């Protein structure tokens, strides 16, 4: 996959736990854990918006694009 999720890095920088962020965003710990570990294929813009609002960051702080090996 060419999109890398950096939520764990941003959470560590902000010193916020998975449980606290999930509660403030309004999603389950399981779903936030899947986002954090990159085991998702899609994310709702409303969820991304809420995460960015709580963490005080931009979507680009959480998402990184890397071309696949064969795409270069």
C-alpha atoms as a PDB file:
ATOM      1  CA  UNK A   1       0.000   0.000   0.000  1.00  0.00           C
ATOM      2  CA  UNK A   2       1.302   3.443  -0.883  1.00  0.00           C
ATOM      3  CA  UNK A   3      -0.360   5.328   2.005  1.00  0.00           C
ATOM      4  CA  UNK A   4       1.471   5.069   5.325  1.00  0.00           C
ATOM      5  CA  UNK A   5      -0.341   5.987   8.541  1.00  0.00           C
ATOM      6  CA  UNK A   6       1.708   7.925  11.090  1.00  0.00           C
ATOM      7  CA  UNK A   7      -0.978   8.259  13.772  1.00  0.00           C
ATOM      8  CA  UNK A   8       1.175   6.466  16.347  1.00  0.00           C
ATOM      9  CA  UNK A   9       3.946   9.069  15.932  1.00  0.00           C
ATOM     10  CA  UNK A  10       1.546  12.012  16.298  1.00  0.00           C
ATOM     11  CA  UNK A  11      -0.094  10.409  19.339  1.00  0.00           C
ATOM     12  CA  UNK A  12       3.316   9.901  20.976  1.00  0.00           C
ATOM     13  CA  UNK A  13       4.282  13.526  20.252  1.00  0.00           C
ATOM     14  CA  UNK A  14       1.029  14.726  21.869  1.00  0.00           C
ATOM     15  CA  UNK A  15       1.319  12.187  24.731  1.00  0.00           C
ATOM     16  CA  UNK A  16      -2.224  10.931  24.250  1.00  0.00           C
ATOM     17  CA  UNK A  17      -3.299   7.334  24.755  1.00  0.00           C
ATOM     18  CA  UNK A  18      -5.328   5.250  22.365  1.00  0.00           C
ATOM     19  CA  UNK A  19      -8.171   5.069  24.889  1.00  0.00           C
ATOM     20  CA  UNK A  20      -8.241   8.835  25.456  1.00  0.00           C
ATOM     21  CA  UNK A  21      -8.111   9.667  21.738  1.00  0.00           C
ATOM     22  CA  UNK A  22     -10.829   7.135  20.908  1.00  0.00           C
ATOM     23  CA  UNK A  23     -13.095   8.644  23.553  1.00  0.00           C
ATOM     24  CA  UNK A  24     -12.514  12.207  22.396  1.00  0.00           C
ATOM     25  CA  UNK A  25     -12.957  11.303  18.709  1.00  0.00           C
ATOM     26  CA  UNK A  26     -16.037   9.174  19.361  1.00  0.00           C
ATOM     27  CA  UNK A  27     -14.906   5.849  17.877  1.00  0.00           C
ATOM     28  CA  UNK A  28     -14.145   2.506  19.456  1.00  0.00           C
ATOM     29  CA  UNK A  29     -10.690   1.574  20.719  1.00  0.00           C
ATOM     30  CA  UNK A  30     -10.659  -1.312  18.213  1.00  0.00           C
ATOM     31  CA  UNK A  31     -11.359   0.940  15.226  1.00  0.00           C
ATOM     32  CA  UNK A  32      -8.784   3.516  16.328  1.00  0.00           C
ATOM     33  CA  UNK A  33      -6.251   0.740  16.866  1.00  0.00           C
ATOM     34  CA  UNK A  34      -6.848  -0.450  13.296  1.00  0.00           C
ATOM     35  CA  UNK A  35      -6.264   3.075  12.013  1.00  0.00           C
ATOM     36  CA  UNK A  36      -3.132   3.423  14.145  1.00  0.00           C
ATOM     37  CA  UNK A  37      -1.634   0.160  12.901  1.00  0.00           C
ATOM     38  CA  UNK A  38      -2.631   0.715   9.261  1.00  0.00           C
ATOM     39  CA  UNK A  39      -4.962  -2.282   9.096  1.00  0.00           C
ATOM     40  CA  UNK A  40      -7.646  -0.311   7.268  1.00  0.00           C
ATOM     41  CA  UNK A  41      -8.473   0.235   3.627  1.00  0.00           C
ATOM     42  CA  UNK A  42     -10.494   3.434   4.104  1.00  0.00           C
ATOM     43  CA  UNK A  43     -11.146   6.188   6.625  1.00  0.00           C
ATOM     44  CA  UNK A  44     -14.110   8.522   6.759  1.00  0.00           C
ATOM     45  CA  UNK A  45     -13.336  12.189   6.337  1.00  0.00           C
ATOM     46  CA  UNK A  46     -15.410  12.898   9.454  1.00  0.00           C
ATOM     47  CA  UNK A  47     -13.173  10.544  11.461  1.00  0.00           C
ATOM     48  CA  UNK A  48     -10.004  12.071  10.004  1.00  0.00           C
ATOM     49  CA  UNK A  49     -11.375  15.539  10.752  1.00  0.00           C
ATOM     50  CA  UNK A  50     -12.116  14.600  14.379  1.00  0.00           C
ATOM     51  CA  UNK A  51      -8.657  13.046  14.866  1.00  0.00           C
ATOM     52  CA  UNK A  52      -6.963  16.146  13.455  1.00  0.00           C
ATOM     53  CA  UNK A  53      -9.123  18.423  15.601  1.00  0.00           C
ATOM     54  CA  UNK A  54      -8.310  16.550  18.821  1.00  0.00           C
ATOM     55  CA  UNK A  55      -4.593  16.242  18.031  1.00  0.00           C
ATOM     56  CA  UNK A  56      -4.262  19.763  16.616  1.00  0.00           C
ATOM     57  CA  UNK A  57      -2.629  18.527  13.428  1.00  0.00           C
ATOM     58  CA  UNK A  58      -3.077  18.402   9.662  1.00  0.00           C
ATOM     59  CA  UNK A  59      -4.048  15.243   7.702  1.00  0.00           C
ATOM     60  CA  UNK A  60      -0.545  15.291   6.197  1.00  0.00           C
ATOM     61  CA  UNK A  61       0.889  14.799   9.687  1.00  0.00           C
ATOM     62  CA  UNK A  62      -0.966  11.475   9.894  1.00  0.00           C
ATOM     63  CA  UNK A  63      -0.912  10.295   6.268  1.00  0.00           C
ATOM     64  CA  UNK A  64       2.184   9.840   4.123  1.00  0.00           C
ATOM     65  CA  UNK A  65       2.285   8.812   0.461  1.00  0.00           C
ATOM     66  CA  UNK A  66       5.020   6.507  -0.769  1.00  0.00           C
ATOM     67  CA  UNK A  67       4.977   5.136  -4.294  1.00  0.00           C
ATOM     68  CA  UNK A  68       4.898   1.358  -4.537  1.00  0.00           C
ATOM     69  CA  UNK A  69       8.118  -0.249  -5.730  1.00  0.00           C
ATOM     70  CA  UNK A  70       6.796  -0.797  -9.267  1.00  0.00           C
ATOM     71  CA  UNK A  71       5.296   2.695  -9.603  1.00  0.00           C
ATOM     72  CA  UNK A  72       8.571   4.612  -9.840  1.00  0.00           C
END
